């Protein structure tokens, strides 16, 4: 039942499929941050973003669906129960290409950490990247695109962020995280074959740097 309802939320004509997974440890600050993420994801839908949450939690499944976020409960993990990055990318690809025929060209897929609140600036940026590079890709002069970013850290005290303007104002209280940290990875679909990539577990040390290095040396 829940799976069918979630699939009914799927939109095909998008710029970005944005997906994440949540920690469900009872930490009130983490809960509040993740609820802000869901509110932001709901706002992003009207800007060409299809949001996804990978979770087996009944609580977060219910909250996600209340915010029009696609829920996937089939999650591949390592032996410690940590979700595998490539499986999430492949799952999003398989679901969208099954239900959206033909699938739109030049769509980005992106994993992001589960406590990052985005504004429509993300969709605007990727739309512009697609506009600039789309022709070269169609002509075979460029094999793909990867867009990465890092987060602004802000001390969180149960603040509800209900608009992009509030998010932008709140972010002024923070600071950029360390220079070598990467918190989201937006790949233009077809840029990499996740079935041939290492089975990275999310959140593990330096896997983000490996992904960037791999793209830099990609043939």
N, C-alpha and C. Protein backbone atom coordinates (compact mmCIF):
# COMPACT_ATOMS: atom_id res chain seq x y z
N UNK A 1 0.83 -1.20 0.00
CA UNK A 1 0.00 0.00 0.00
C UNK A 1 0.87 1.26 0.00
N UNK A 2 1.82 1.33 0.96
CA UNK A 2 2.67 2.52 1.04
C UNK A 2 3.54 2.66 -0.21
N UNK A 3 4.02 1.51 -0.72
CA UNK A 3 4.85 1.57 -1.91
C UNK A 3 4.06 2.13 -3.08
N UNK A 4 2.80 1.67 -3.25
CA UNK A 4 1.98 2.15 -4.35
C UNK A 4 1.70 3.65 -4.20
N UNK A 5 1.41 4.09 -2.97
CA UNK A 5 1.15 5.51 -2.76
C UNK A 5 2.39 6.34 -3.05
N UNK A 6 3.56 5.82 -2.68
CA UNK A 6 4.80 6.56 -2.93
C UNK A 6 5.05 6.69 -4.42
N UNK A 7 4.84 5.59 -5.17
CA UNK A 7 5.09 5.64 -6.60
C UNK A 7 4.13 6.60 -7.30
N UNK A 8 2.96 6.82 -6.71
CA UNK A 8 2.02 7.77 -7.28
C UNK A 8 2.50 9.20 -7.20
N UNK A 9 3.51 9.44 -6.36
CA UNK A 9 4.06 10.79 -6.23
C UNK A 9 5.12 11.08 -7.29
N UNK A 10 5.54 10.08 -8.02
CA UNK A 10 6.65 10.24 -8.95
C UNK A 10 6.32 11.21 -10.07
N UNK A 11 7.23 12.14 -10.33
CA UNK A 11 7.13 13.04 -11.47
C UNK A 11 8.28 12.75 -12.42
N UNK A 12 8.01 12.85 -13.71
CA UNK A 12 9.00 12.47 -14.72
C UNK A 12 9.74 13.66 -15.33
N UNK A 13 9.06 14.77 -15.48
CA UNK A 13 9.66 15.92 -16.14
C UNK A 13 10.39 16.77 -15.11
N UNK A 14 11.62 16.37 -14.76
CA UNK A 14 12.38 17.02 -13.70
C UNK A 14 13.79 17.35 -14.17
N UNK A 15 14.41 18.26 -13.43
CA UNK A 15 15.84 18.57 -13.62
C UNK A 15 16.70 17.63 -12.79
N UNK A 16 16.20 17.31 -11.59
CA UNK A 16 17.02 16.59 -10.61
C UNK A 16 16.19 15.61 -9.81
N UNK A 17 16.73 14.40 -9.64
CA UNK A 17 16.26 13.46 -8.63
C UNK A 17 17.21 13.60 -7.44
N UNK A 18 16.70 14.08 -6.32
CA UNK A 18 17.52 14.34 -5.13
C UNK A 18 17.14 13.34 -4.05
N UNK A 19 18.11 12.54 -3.59
CA UNK A 19 17.77 11.50 -2.64
C UNK A 19 18.74 11.47 -1.46
N UNK A 20 18.23 10.95 -0.35
CA UNK A 20 19.01 10.88 0.87
C UNK A 20 18.50 9.75 1.73
N UNK A 21 19.13 9.57 2.88
CA UNK A 21 18.68 8.62 3.89
C UNK A 21 18.85 9.26 5.25
N UNK A 22 17.97 8.93 6.18
CA UNK A 22 17.97 9.59 7.50
C UNK A 22 18.51 8.69 8.59
N UNK A 23 19.11 9.32 9.61
CA UNK A 23 19.46 8.63 10.84
C UNK A 23 18.24 8.66 11.75
N UNK A 24 17.91 7.53 12.33
CA UNK A 24 16.72 7.43 13.19
C UNK A 24 17.16 6.97 14.58
N UNK A 25 17.82 7.90 15.32
CA UNK A 25 18.40 7.54 16.61
C UNK A 25 17.76 8.24 17.81
N UNK A 26 16.66 8.96 17.58
CA UNK A 26 15.98 9.62 18.68
C UNK A 26 16.58 10.94 19.11
N UNK A 27 17.62 11.41 18.42
CA UNK A 27 18.24 12.69 18.74
C UNK A 27 17.31 13.82 18.28
N UNK A 28 16.82 14.63 19.23
CA UNK A 28 15.84 15.66 18.89
C UNK A 28 16.38 16.70 17.92
N UNK A 29 17.67 17.04 18.03
CA UNK A 29 18.24 18.01 17.10
C UNK A 29 18.30 17.42 15.70
N UNK A 30 18.65 16.14 15.61
CA UNK A 30 18.69 15.48 14.30
C UNK A 30 17.28 15.38 13.72
N UNK A 31 16.32 15.06 14.56
CA UNK A 31 14.93 14.96 14.10
C UNK A 31 14.46 16.29 13.54
N UNK A 32 14.73 17.38 14.26
CA UNK A 32 14.33 18.70 13.79
C UNK A 32 14.98 19.09 12.49
N UNK A 33 16.26 18.76 12.35
CA UNK A 33 16.97 19.07 11.10
C UNK A 33 16.38 18.30 9.94
N UNK A 34 16.08 17.03 10.15
CA UNK A 34 15.54 16.20 9.08
C UNK A 34 14.12 16.62 8.71
N UNK A 35 13.37 17.11 9.66
CA UNK A 35 12.04 17.63 9.33
C UNK A 35 12.16 18.89 8.46
N UNK A 36 13.17 19.72 8.72
CA UNK A 36 13.42 20.87 7.86
C UNK A 36 13.81 20.44 6.46
N UNK A 37 14.56 19.35 6.36
CA UNK A 37 14.93 18.81 5.05
C UNK A 37 13.68 18.42 4.27
N UNK A 38 12.75 17.75 4.91
CA UNK A 38 11.52 17.34 4.23
C UNK A 38 10.71 18.55 3.78
N UNK A 39 10.66 19.59 4.60
CA UNK A 39 9.95 20.80 4.20
C UNK A 39 10.61 21.42 2.97
N UNK A 40 11.95 21.44 2.97
CA UNK A 40 12.67 21.99 1.82
C UNK A 40 12.44 21.15 0.57
N UNK A 41 12.44 19.82 0.72
CA UNK A 41 12.20 18.94 -0.42
C UNK A 41 10.81 19.19 -1.02
N UNK A 42 9.83 19.42 -0.16
CA UNK A 42 8.49 19.68 -0.67
C UNK A 42 8.46 20.98 -1.48
N UNK A 43 9.18 22.00 -1.01
CA UNK A 43 9.25 23.26 -1.76
C UNK A 43 9.96 23.08 -3.09
N UNK A 44 10.96 22.22 -3.12
CA UNK A 44 11.76 22.04 -4.33
C UNK A 44 10.99 21.37 -5.45
N UNK A 45 9.93 20.66 -5.14
CA UNK A 45 9.18 19.96 -6.19
C UNK A 45 8.67 20.93 -7.26
N UNK A 46 8.28 22.12 -6.86
CA UNK A 46 7.75 23.06 -7.85
C UNK A 46 8.86 23.70 -8.68
N UNK A 47 10.10 23.36 -8.40
CA UNK A 47 11.23 23.89 -9.16
C UNK A 47 11.95 22.81 -9.95
N UNK A 48 11.26 21.71 -10.22
CA UNK A 48 11.83 20.66 -11.06
C UNK A 48 12.69 19.65 -10.34
N UNK A 49 12.49 19.50 -9.03
CA UNK A 49 13.25 18.53 -8.25
C UNK A 49 12.31 17.43 -7.76
N UNK A 50 12.69 16.18 -8.00
CA UNK A 50 11.94 15.04 -7.47
C UNK A 50 12.70 14.51 -6.26
N UNK A 51 12.14 14.67 -5.04
CA UNK A 51 12.85 14.25 -3.83
C UNK A 51 12.54 12.81 -3.45
N UNK A 52 13.55 12.14 -2.89
CA UNK A 52 13.43 10.74 -2.49
C UNK A 52 14.04 10.55 -1.10
N UNK A 53 13.44 9.64 -0.33
CA UNK A 53 14.01 9.25 0.94
C UNK A 53 14.11 7.73 0.99
N UNK A 54 15.31 7.23 1.24
CA UNK A 54 15.53 5.80 1.45
C UNK A 54 15.44 5.53 2.95
N UNK A 55 14.43 4.80 3.37
CA UNK A 55 14.25 4.54 4.79
C UNK A 55 13.39 3.31 5.00
N UNK A 56 13.62 2.61 6.11
CA UNK A 56 12.76 1.52 6.54
C UNK A 56 11.96 1.93 7.77
N UNK A 57 12.10 3.17 8.19
CA UNK A 57 11.41 3.67 9.38
C UNK A 57 9.96 4.02 9.04
N UNK A 58 9.01 3.47 9.78
CA UNK A 58 7.60 3.79 9.56
C UNK A 58 7.34 5.27 9.86
N UNK A 59 7.99 5.79 10.89
CA UNK A 59 7.81 7.19 11.26
C UNK A 59 8.25 8.11 10.14
N UNK A 60 9.46 7.86 9.59
CA UNK A 60 9.97 8.76 8.55
C UNK A 60 9.28 8.53 7.22
N UNK A 61 8.80 7.31 7.00
CA UNK A 61 8.01 7.05 5.79
C UNK A 61 6.75 7.91 5.81
N UNK A 62 6.07 7.93 6.94
CA UNK A 62 4.84 8.71 7.07
C UNK A 62 5.13 10.20 6.90
N UNK A 63 6.17 10.70 7.57
CA UNK A 63 6.51 12.13 7.48
C UNK A 63 6.90 12.50 6.04
N UNK A 64 7.68 11.64 5.39
CA UNK A 64 8.11 11.93 4.02
C UNK A 64 6.92 12.01 3.08
N UNK A 65 6.00 11.08 3.18
CA UNK A 65 4.85 11.08 2.28
C UNK A 65 3.93 12.25 2.55
N UNK A 66 3.89 12.72 3.82
CA UNK A 66 3.11 13.93 4.12
C UNK A 66 3.69 15.15 3.42
N UNK A 67 4.99 15.09 3.08
CA UNK A 67 5.66 16.20 2.40
C UNK A 67 5.91 15.91 0.92
N UNK A 68 5.17 14.94 0.37
CA UNK A 68 5.24 14.62 -1.06
C UNK A 68 6.64 14.16 -1.48
N UNK A 69 7.29 13.42 -0.61
CA UNK A 69 8.62 12.88 -0.90
C UNK A 69 8.50 11.40 -1.21
N UNK A 70 9.10 10.96 -2.29
CA UNK A 70 9.09 9.57 -2.71
C UNK A 70 9.85 8.72 -1.69
N UNK A 71 9.28 7.60 -1.27
CA UNK A 71 9.91 6.74 -0.28
C UNK A 71 10.31 5.40 -0.89
N UNK A 72 11.54 4.97 -0.61
CA UNK A 72 12.03 3.66 -1.05
C UNK A 72 12.50 2.91 0.19
N UNK A 73 11.94 1.74 0.44
CA UNK A 73 12.30 0.95 1.62
C UNK A 73 13.25 -0.19 1.29
N UNK A 74 13.47 -0.46 0.01
CA UNK A 74 14.39 -1.52 -0.41
C UNK A 74 15.79 -0.91 -0.45
N UNK A 75 16.57 -1.15 0.59
CA UNK A 75 17.87 -0.49 0.74
C UNK A 75 18.97 -1.55 0.89
N UNK A 76 19.96 -1.52 0.00
CA UNK A 76 21.13 -2.38 0.14
C UNK A 76 22.10 -1.73 1.11
N UNK A 77 22.65 -2.52 2.03
CA UNK A 77 23.56 -1.99 3.05
C UNK A 77 24.80 -2.87 3.17
N UNK A 78 25.80 -2.32 3.89
CA UNK A 78 26.94 -3.15 4.26
C UNK A 78 26.57 -3.98 5.49
N UNK A 79 27.50 -4.71 6.04
CA UNK A 79 27.18 -5.61 7.15
C UNK A 79 26.82 -4.87 8.43
N UNK A 80 27.11 -3.55 8.45
CA UNK A 80 26.75 -2.75 9.61
C UNK A 80 25.41 -2.03 9.45
N UNK A 81 24.75 -2.26 8.32
CA UNK A 81 23.46 -1.64 8.08
C UNK A 81 23.52 -0.26 7.46
N UNK A 82 24.69 0.15 6.99
CA UNK A 82 24.85 1.47 6.37
C UNK A 82 24.51 1.38 4.89
N UNK A 83 23.64 2.26 4.38
CA UNK A 83 23.22 2.20 2.96
C UNK A 83 24.39 2.32 1.99
N UNK A 84 24.27 1.62 0.88
CA UNK A 84 25.29 1.66 -0.18
C UNK A 84 24.92 2.70 -1.22
N UNK A 85 25.87 3.54 -1.56
CA UNK A 85 25.64 4.68 -2.44
C UNK A 85 25.16 4.26 -3.82
N UNK A 86 25.90 3.37 -4.46
CA UNK A 86 25.58 2.99 -5.83
C UNK A 86 24.20 2.37 -5.96
N UNK A 87 23.78 1.61 -4.95
CA UNK A 87 22.45 0.99 -5.00
C UNK A 87 21.36 2.05 -5.04
N UNK A 88 21.55 3.15 -4.32
CA UNK A 88 20.54 4.21 -4.33
C UNK A 88 20.46 4.85 -5.71
N UNK A 89 21.61 5.13 -6.32
CA UNK A 89 21.60 5.70 -7.68
C UNK A 89 20.92 4.75 -8.66
N UNK A 90 21.25 3.48 -8.58
CA UNK A 90 20.68 2.51 -9.51
C UNK A 90 19.18 2.33 -9.27
N UNK A 91 18.75 2.36 -8.01
CA UNK A 91 17.33 2.22 -7.71
C UNK A 91 16.52 3.38 -8.28
N UNK A 92 17.00 4.60 -8.09
CA UNK A 92 16.32 5.77 -8.64
C UNK A 92 16.25 5.67 -10.16
N UNK A 93 17.35 5.28 -10.79
CA UNK A 93 17.36 5.13 -12.25
C UNK A 93 16.34 4.08 -12.70
N UNK A 94 16.35 2.93 -12.04
CA UNK A 94 15.46 1.85 -12.45
C UNK A 94 13.98 2.22 -12.29
N UNK A 95 13.64 2.86 -11.17
CA UNK A 95 12.24 3.23 -10.94
C UNK A 95 11.78 4.28 -11.95
N UNK A 96 12.59 5.30 -12.15
CA UNK A 96 12.17 6.37 -13.05
C UNK A 96 12.08 5.90 -14.49
N UNK A 97 13.02 5.09 -14.93
CA UNK A 97 12.99 4.64 -16.32
C UNK A 97 11.91 3.58 -16.55
N UNK A 98 11.48 2.92 -15.49
CA UNK A 98 10.36 1.97 -15.60
C UNK A 98 9.04 2.71 -15.74
N UNK A 99 8.86 3.77 -14.97
CA UNK A 99 7.57 4.45 -14.90
C UNK A 99 7.48 5.67 -15.82
N UNK A 100 8.60 6.13 -16.33
CA UNK A 100 8.59 7.30 -17.21
C UNK A 100 9.18 6.89 -18.56
N UNK A 101 8.33 6.68 -19.53
CA UNK A 101 8.78 6.22 -20.85
C UNK A 101 8.26 7.14 -21.94
N UNK A 102 9.14 7.72 -22.77
CA UNK A 102 10.60 7.67 -22.61
C UNK A 102 11.06 8.60 -21.49
N UNK A 103 12.23 8.33 -20.92
CA UNK A 103 12.71 9.18 -19.84
C UNK A 103 13.36 10.42 -20.42
N UNK A 104 13.14 11.61 -19.81
CA UNK A 104 13.72 12.85 -20.34
C UNK A 104 15.24 12.79 -20.38
N UNK A 105 15.82 13.47 -21.36
CA UNK A 105 17.28 13.52 -21.47
C UNK A 105 17.83 14.54 -20.49
N UNK A 106 19.09 14.34 -20.11
CA UNK A 106 19.83 15.32 -19.31
C UNK A 106 19.19 15.59 -17.96
N UNK A 107 18.93 14.52 -17.24
CA UNK A 107 18.42 14.61 -15.88
C UNK A 107 19.55 14.31 -14.91
N UNK A 108 19.66 15.09 -13.85
CA UNK A 108 20.66 14.85 -12.82
C UNK A 108 20.08 13.94 -11.74
N UNK A 109 20.95 13.07 -11.20
CA UNK A 109 20.65 12.27 -10.03
C UNK A 109 21.66 12.63 -8.96
N UNK A 110 21.20 12.86 -7.73
CA UNK A 110 22.14 13.31 -6.70
C UNK A 110 21.82 12.73 -5.34
N UNK A 111 22.84 12.12 -4.73
CA UNK A 111 22.76 11.77 -3.31
C UNK A 111 23.26 12.97 -2.51
N UNK A 112 22.63 13.20 -1.35
CA UNK A 112 23.07 14.25 -0.45
C UNK A 112 22.95 13.78 0.99
N UNK A 113 23.75 14.35 1.86
CA UNK A 113 23.61 14.05 3.28
C UNK A 113 22.22 14.45 3.77
N UNK A 114 21.72 13.74 4.76
CA UNK A 114 20.33 13.88 5.18
C UNK A 114 20.01 15.05 6.08
N UNK A 115 21.00 15.91 6.36
CA UNK A 115 20.73 17.07 7.21
C UNK A 115 21.01 18.38 6.49
N UNK A 116 21.04 18.35 5.16
CA UNK A 116 21.32 19.56 4.38
C UNK A 116 20.02 20.09 3.78
N UNK A 117 19.75 21.36 4.04
CA UNK A 117 18.54 22.02 3.57
C UNK A 117 18.88 22.84 2.33
N UNK A 118 18.31 22.48 1.19
CA UNK A 118 18.57 23.18 -0.06
C UNK A 118 17.47 24.19 -0.36
N UNK A 119 17.82 25.17 -1.19
CA UNK A 119 16.84 26.11 -1.74
C UNK A 119 16.75 25.89 -3.25
N UNK A 120 15.90 26.65 -3.91
CA UNK A 120 15.74 26.52 -5.36
C UNK A 120 17.02 26.86 -6.10
N UNK A 121 18.00 27.46 -5.41
CA UNK A 121 19.28 27.74 -6.05
C UNK A 121 19.95 26.49 -6.59
N UNK A 122 19.70 25.34 -5.95
CA UNK A 122 20.26 24.08 -6.45
C UNK A 122 19.69 23.75 -7.82
N UNK A 123 18.37 23.85 -7.95
CA UNK A 123 17.73 23.56 -9.24
C UNK A 123 18.16 24.57 -10.29
N UNK A 124 18.27 25.83 -9.91
CA UNK A 124 18.71 26.87 -10.86
C UNK A 124 20.11 26.59 -11.37
N UNK A 125 21.00 26.18 -10.46
CA UNK A 125 22.39 25.89 -10.84
C UNK A 125 22.45 24.73 -11.82
N UNK A 126 21.75 23.65 -11.52
CA UNK A 126 21.80 22.48 -12.39
C UNK A 126 21.12 22.74 -13.73
N UNK A 127 20.08 23.55 -13.73
CA UNK A 127 19.44 23.92 -15.00
C UNK A 127 20.42 24.68 -15.89
N UNK A 128 21.20 25.56 -15.29
CA UNK A 128 22.17 26.33 -16.06
C UNK A 128 23.31 25.45 -16.55
N UNK A 129 23.77 24.53 -15.70
CA UNK A 129 24.81 23.59 -16.12
C UNK A 129 24.32 22.76 -17.30
N UNK A 130 23.10 22.30 -17.21
CA UNK A 130 22.51 21.49 -18.30
C UNK A 130 22.41 22.32 -19.58
N UNK A 131 22.03 23.59 -19.45
CA UNK A 131 21.92 24.45 -20.62
C UNK A 131 23.29 24.65 -21.28
N UNK A 132 24.32 24.84 -20.48
CA UNK A 132 25.65 25.11 -21.00
C UNK A 132 26.27 23.88 -21.65
N UNK A 133 26.11 22.70 -21.02
CA UNK A 133 26.82 21.51 -21.49
C UNK A 133 25.96 20.56 -22.31
N UNK A 134 24.64 20.75 -22.31
CA UNK A 134 23.76 19.80 -22.99
C UNK A 134 24.11 19.59 -24.45
N UNK A 135 24.40 20.67 -25.18
CA UNK A 135 24.69 20.55 -26.61
C UNK A 135 25.98 19.76 -26.83
N UNK A 136 27.00 20.01 -26.03
CA UNK A 136 28.27 19.29 -26.21
C UNK A 136 28.09 17.80 -25.92
N UNK A 137 27.24 17.48 -24.95
CA UNK A 137 26.99 16.07 -24.66
C UNK A 137 26.24 15.42 -25.82
N UNK A 138 25.24 16.10 -26.33
CA UNK A 138 24.47 15.54 -27.45
C UNK A 138 25.32 15.34 -28.69
N UNK A 139 26.37 16.16 -28.83
CA UNK A 139 27.28 16.05 -29.97
C UNK A 139 28.44 15.09 -29.71
N UNK A 140 28.50 14.52 -28.50
CA UNK A 140 29.55 13.56 -28.18
C UNK A 140 30.88 14.18 -27.79
N UNK A 141 30.90 15.50 -27.59
CA UNK A 141 32.17 16.15 -27.23
C UNK A 141 32.41 16.13 -25.72
N UNK A 142 31.40 15.81 -24.95
CA UNK A 142 31.54 15.68 -23.49
C UNK A 142 30.77 14.43 -23.07
N UNK A 143 31.42 13.61 -22.22
CA UNK A 143 30.84 12.32 -21.87
C UNK A 143 29.93 12.36 -20.65
N UNK A 144 29.96 13.43 -19.92
CA UNK A 144 29.11 13.50 -18.74
C UNK A 144 29.42 14.73 -17.91
N UNK A 145 28.67 14.89 -16.83
CA UNK A 145 28.84 16.03 -15.94
C UNK A 145 28.65 15.57 -14.50
N UNK A 146 29.51 16.05 -13.62
CA UNK A 146 29.35 15.85 -12.18
C UNK A 146 29.41 17.21 -11.50
N UNK A 147 28.43 17.50 -10.67
CA UNK A 147 28.40 18.75 -9.91
C UNK A 147 28.48 18.39 -8.42
N UNK A 148 29.40 19.02 -7.71
CA UNK A 148 29.57 18.72 -6.29
C UNK A 148 29.42 19.99 -5.47
N UNK A 149 29.25 19.83 -4.17
CA UNK A 149 29.14 20.99 -3.30
C UNK A 149 29.44 20.64 -1.87
N UNK A 150 29.70 21.64 -1.07
CA UNK A 150 29.93 21.44 0.36
C UNK A 150 28.95 22.28 1.16
N UNK A 151 28.84 21.95 2.41
CA UNK A 151 27.79 22.52 3.24
C UNK A 151 28.26 23.72 4.07
N UNK A 152 27.28 24.50 4.49
CA UNK A 152 27.48 25.53 5.51
C UNK A 152 26.97 24.97 6.83
N UNK A 153 27.83 24.93 7.82
CA UNK A 153 27.45 24.44 9.14
C UNK A 153 26.81 25.56 9.97
N UNK A 154 25.66 25.28 10.55
CA UNK A 154 24.96 26.24 11.39
C UNK A 154 24.55 25.54 12.69
N UNK A 155 24.79 26.19 13.84
CA UNK A 155 24.31 25.64 15.10
C UNK A 155 22.78 25.60 15.07
N UNK A 156 22.25 24.45 15.42
CA UNK A 156 20.82 24.24 15.24
C UNK A 156 20.11 24.18 16.58
N UNK A 157 19.10 25.00 16.76
CA UNK A 157 18.34 25.03 18.01
C UNK A 157 16.84 24.97 17.72
N UNK A 158 16.40 23.87 17.12
CA UNK A 158 14.98 23.60 16.91
C UNK A 158 14.27 24.72 16.13
N UNK A 159 14.94 25.26 15.13
CA UNK A 159 14.36 26.32 14.30
C UNK A 159 13.63 25.69 13.13
N UNK A 160 12.38 26.07 12.92
CA UNK A 160 11.63 25.60 11.76
C UNK A 160 11.83 26.57 10.60
N UNK A 161 12.35 26.05 9.51
CA UNK A 161 12.63 26.87 8.32
C UNK A 161 11.53 26.60 7.31
N UNK A 162 10.68 27.59 7.08
CA UNK A 162 9.48 27.39 6.28
C UNK A 162 9.54 28.01 4.90
N UNK A 163 10.66 28.62 4.54
CA UNK A 163 10.79 29.22 3.21
C UNK A 163 12.25 29.29 2.83
N UNK A 164 12.52 29.46 1.53
CA UNK A 164 13.90 29.63 1.08
C UNK A 164 14.53 30.86 1.70
N UNK A 165 13.75 31.91 1.85
CA UNK A 165 14.28 33.15 2.44
C UNK A 165 14.75 32.90 3.87
N UNK A 166 14.00 32.12 4.63
CA UNK A 166 14.39 31.81 6.00
C UNK A 166 15.66 30.95 6.02
N UNK A 167 15.77 30.03 5.08
CA UNK A 167 16.98 29.20 4.99
C UNK A 167 18.20 30.06 4.69
N UNK A 168 18.07 30.95 3.72
CA UNK A 168 19.19 31.80 3.34
C UNK A 168 19.61 32.72 4.47
N UNK A 169 18.64 33.25 5.20
CA UNK A 169 18.96 34.12 6.33
C UNK A 169 19.62 33.33 7.45
N UNK A 170 19.12 32.13 7.71
CA UNK A 170 19.68 31.28 8.76
C UNK A 170 21.11 30.88 8.44
N UNK A 171 21.40 30.65 7.15
CA UNK A 171 22.73 30.21 6.75
C UNK A 171 23.81 31.26 7.01
N UNK A 172 23.40 32.53 7.12
CA UNK A 172 24.36 33.61 7.38
C UNK A 172 25.00 33.48 8.76
N UNK A 173 24.39 32.68 9.63
CA UNK A 173 24.94 32.47 10.96
C UNK A 173 26.02 31.39 10.98
N UNK A 174 26.20 30.71 9.85
CA UNK A 174 27.10 29.58 9.81
C UNK A 174 28.41 29.84 9.13
N UNK A 175 29.14 28.75 8.84
CA UNK A 175 30.42 28.84 8.15
C UNK A 175 30.60 27.61 7.28
N UNK A 176 31.34 27.76 6.20
CA UNK A 176 31.61 26.63 5.31
C UNK A 176 32.42 25.57 6.03
N UNK A 177 32.09 24.32 5.76
CA UNK A 177 32.81 23.20 6.35
C UNK A 177 34.18 23.08 5.69
N UNK A 178 34.99 22.11 6.11
CA UNK A 178 36.36 21.97 5.63
C UNK A 178 36.42 21.84 4.11
N UNK A 179 37.52 22.32 3.53
CA UNK A 179 37.65 22.45 2.09
C UNK A 179 37.57 21.13 1.32
N UNK A 180 37.99 20.03 1.94
CA UNK A 180 38.02 18.76 1.21
C UNK A 180 36.78 17.90 1.44
N UNK A 181 35.78 18.46 2.11
CA UNK A 181 34.55 17.71 2.34
C UNK A 181 33.54 18.00 1.24
N UNK A 182 32.82 16.97 0.82
CA UNK A 182 31.83 17.10 -0.25
C UNK A 182 30.54 16.47 0.25
N UNK A 183 29.44 17.20 0.08
CA UNK A 183 28.20 16.78 0.72
C UNK A 183 27.07 16.43 -0.24
N UNK A 184 27.25 16.69 -1.52
CA UNK A 184 26.29 16.17 -2.49
C UNK A 184 27.00 15.96 -3.82
N UNK A 185 26.49 15.00 -4.59
CA UNK A 185 27.12 14.58 -5.85
C UNK A 185 26.03 14.45 -6.90
N UNK A 186 25.93 15.42 -7.76
CA UNK A 186 24.91 15.40 -8.81
C UNK A 186 25.55 14.95 -10.12
N UNK A 187 25.14 13.80 -10.60
CA UNK A 187 25.64 13.26 -11.86
C UNK A 187 24.57 13.40 -12.94
N UNK A 188 24.94 13.89 -14.09
CA UNK A 188 24.04 13.82 -15.23
C UNK A 188 23.89 12.35 -15.58
N UNK A 189 22.65 11.91 -15.73
CA UNK A 189 22.41 10.48 -15.92
C UNK A 189 23.20 9.92 -17.09
N UNK A 190 23.83 8.77 -16.84
CA UNK A 190 24.66 8.12 -17.85
C UNK A 190 26.12 8.45 -17.73
N UNK A 191 26.47 9.35 -16.82
CA UNK A 191 27.88 9.74 -16.66
C UNK A 191 28.72 8.59 -16.12
N UNK A 192 28.17 7.81 -15.17
CA UNK A 192 28.89 6.66 -14.62
C UNK A 192 27.95 5.45 -14.58
N UNK A 193 28.56 4.26 -14.58
CA UNK A 193 27.82 3.01 -14.42
C UNK A 193 28.02 2.55 -12.98
N UNK A 194 26.98 2.73 -12.16
CA UNK A 194 27.12 2.43 -10.74
C UNK A 194 27.31 0.94 -10.47
N UNK A 195 26.91 0.10 -11.38
CA UNK A 195 27.13 -1.34 -11.20
C UNK A 195 28.61 -1.70 -11.27
N UNK A 196 29.42 -0.80 -11.86
CA UNK A 196 30.86 -1.07 -11.99
C UNK A 196 31.69 -0.25 -11.01
N UNK A 197 31.01 0.52 -10.16
CA UNK A 197 31.71 1.34 -9.17
C UNK A 197 31.91 0.55 -7.87
N UNK A 198 32.89 0.94 -7.04
CA UNK A 198 33.05 0.30 -5.73
C UNK A 198 31.78 0.44 -4.90
N UNK A 199 31.54 -0.49 -3.99
CA UNK A 199 30.33 -0.48 -3.17
C UNK A 199 30.55 0.40 -1.93
N UNK A 200 30.51 1.72 -2.17
CA UNK A 200 30.74 2.66 -1.08
C UNK A 200 29.53 2.71 -0.15
N UNK A 201 29.80 2.70 1.15
CA UNK A 201 28.76 2.96 2.15
C UNK A 201 28.78 4.45 2.45
N UNK A 202 27.61 5.06 2.53
CA UNK A 202 27.55 6.51 2.70
C UNK A 202 28.14 6.91 4.05
N UNK A 203 28.76 8.08 4.06
CA UNK A 203 29.32 8.62 5.29
C UNK A 203 30.69 8.11 5.66
N UNK A 204 31.23 7.15 4.90
CA UNK A 204 32.54 6.62 5.24
C UNK A 204 33.64 7.57 4.75
N UNK A 205 34.76 7.50 5.39
CA UNK A 205 35.83 8.47 5.17
C UNK A 205 36.38 8.43 3.74
N UNK A 206 36.48 9.61 3.14
CA UNK A 206 37.18 9.86 1.88
C UNK A 206 36.53 9.28 0.63
N UNK A 207 35.35 8.64 0.76
CA UNK A 207 34.74 8.12 -0.47
C UNK A 207 34.33 9.27 -1.39
N UNK A 208 33.98 10.42 -0.80
CA UNK A 208 33.62 11.58 -1.61
C UNK A 208 34.79 12.07 -2.45
N UNK A 209 35.98 12.06 -1.85
CA UNK A 209 37.18 12.47 -2.60
C UNK A 209 37.52 11.48 -3.70
N UNK A 210 37.26 10.18 -3.45
CA UNK A 210 37.50 9.17 -4.49
C UNK A 210 36.60 9.43 -5.68
N UNK A 211 35.33 9.78 -5.44
CA UNK A 211 34.40 10.02 -6.53
C UNK A 211 34.86 11.18 -7.41
N UNK A 212 35.35 12.24 -6.78
CA UNK A 212 35.83 13.40 -7.55
C UNK A 212 37.08 13.00 -8.34
N UNK A 213 38.00 12.29 -7.71
CA UNK A 213 39.22 11.87 -8.40
C UNK A 213 38.90 10.96 -9.58
N UNK A 214 37.92 10.08 -9.39
CA UNK A 214 37.51 9.19 -10.48
C UNK A 214 36.99 9.96 -11.67
N UNK A 215 36.18 10.99 -11.41
CA UNK A 215 35.66 11.80 -12.51
C UNK A 215 36.76 12.61 -13.18
N UNK A 216 37.71 13.10 -12.39
CA UNK A 216 38.80 13.90 -12.94
C UNK A 216 39.63 13.08 -13.92
N UNK A 217 39.80 11.79 -13.63
CA UNK A 217 40.62 10.92 -14.49
C UNK A 217 39.79 10.08 -15.45
N UNK A 218 38.48 10.36 -15.48
CA UNK A 218 37.60 9.58 -16.38
C UNK A 218 37.99 9.80 -17.83
N UNK A 219 38.08 8.70 -18.60
CA UNK A 219 38.44 8.80 -20.02
C UNK A 219 37.36 9.52 -20.82
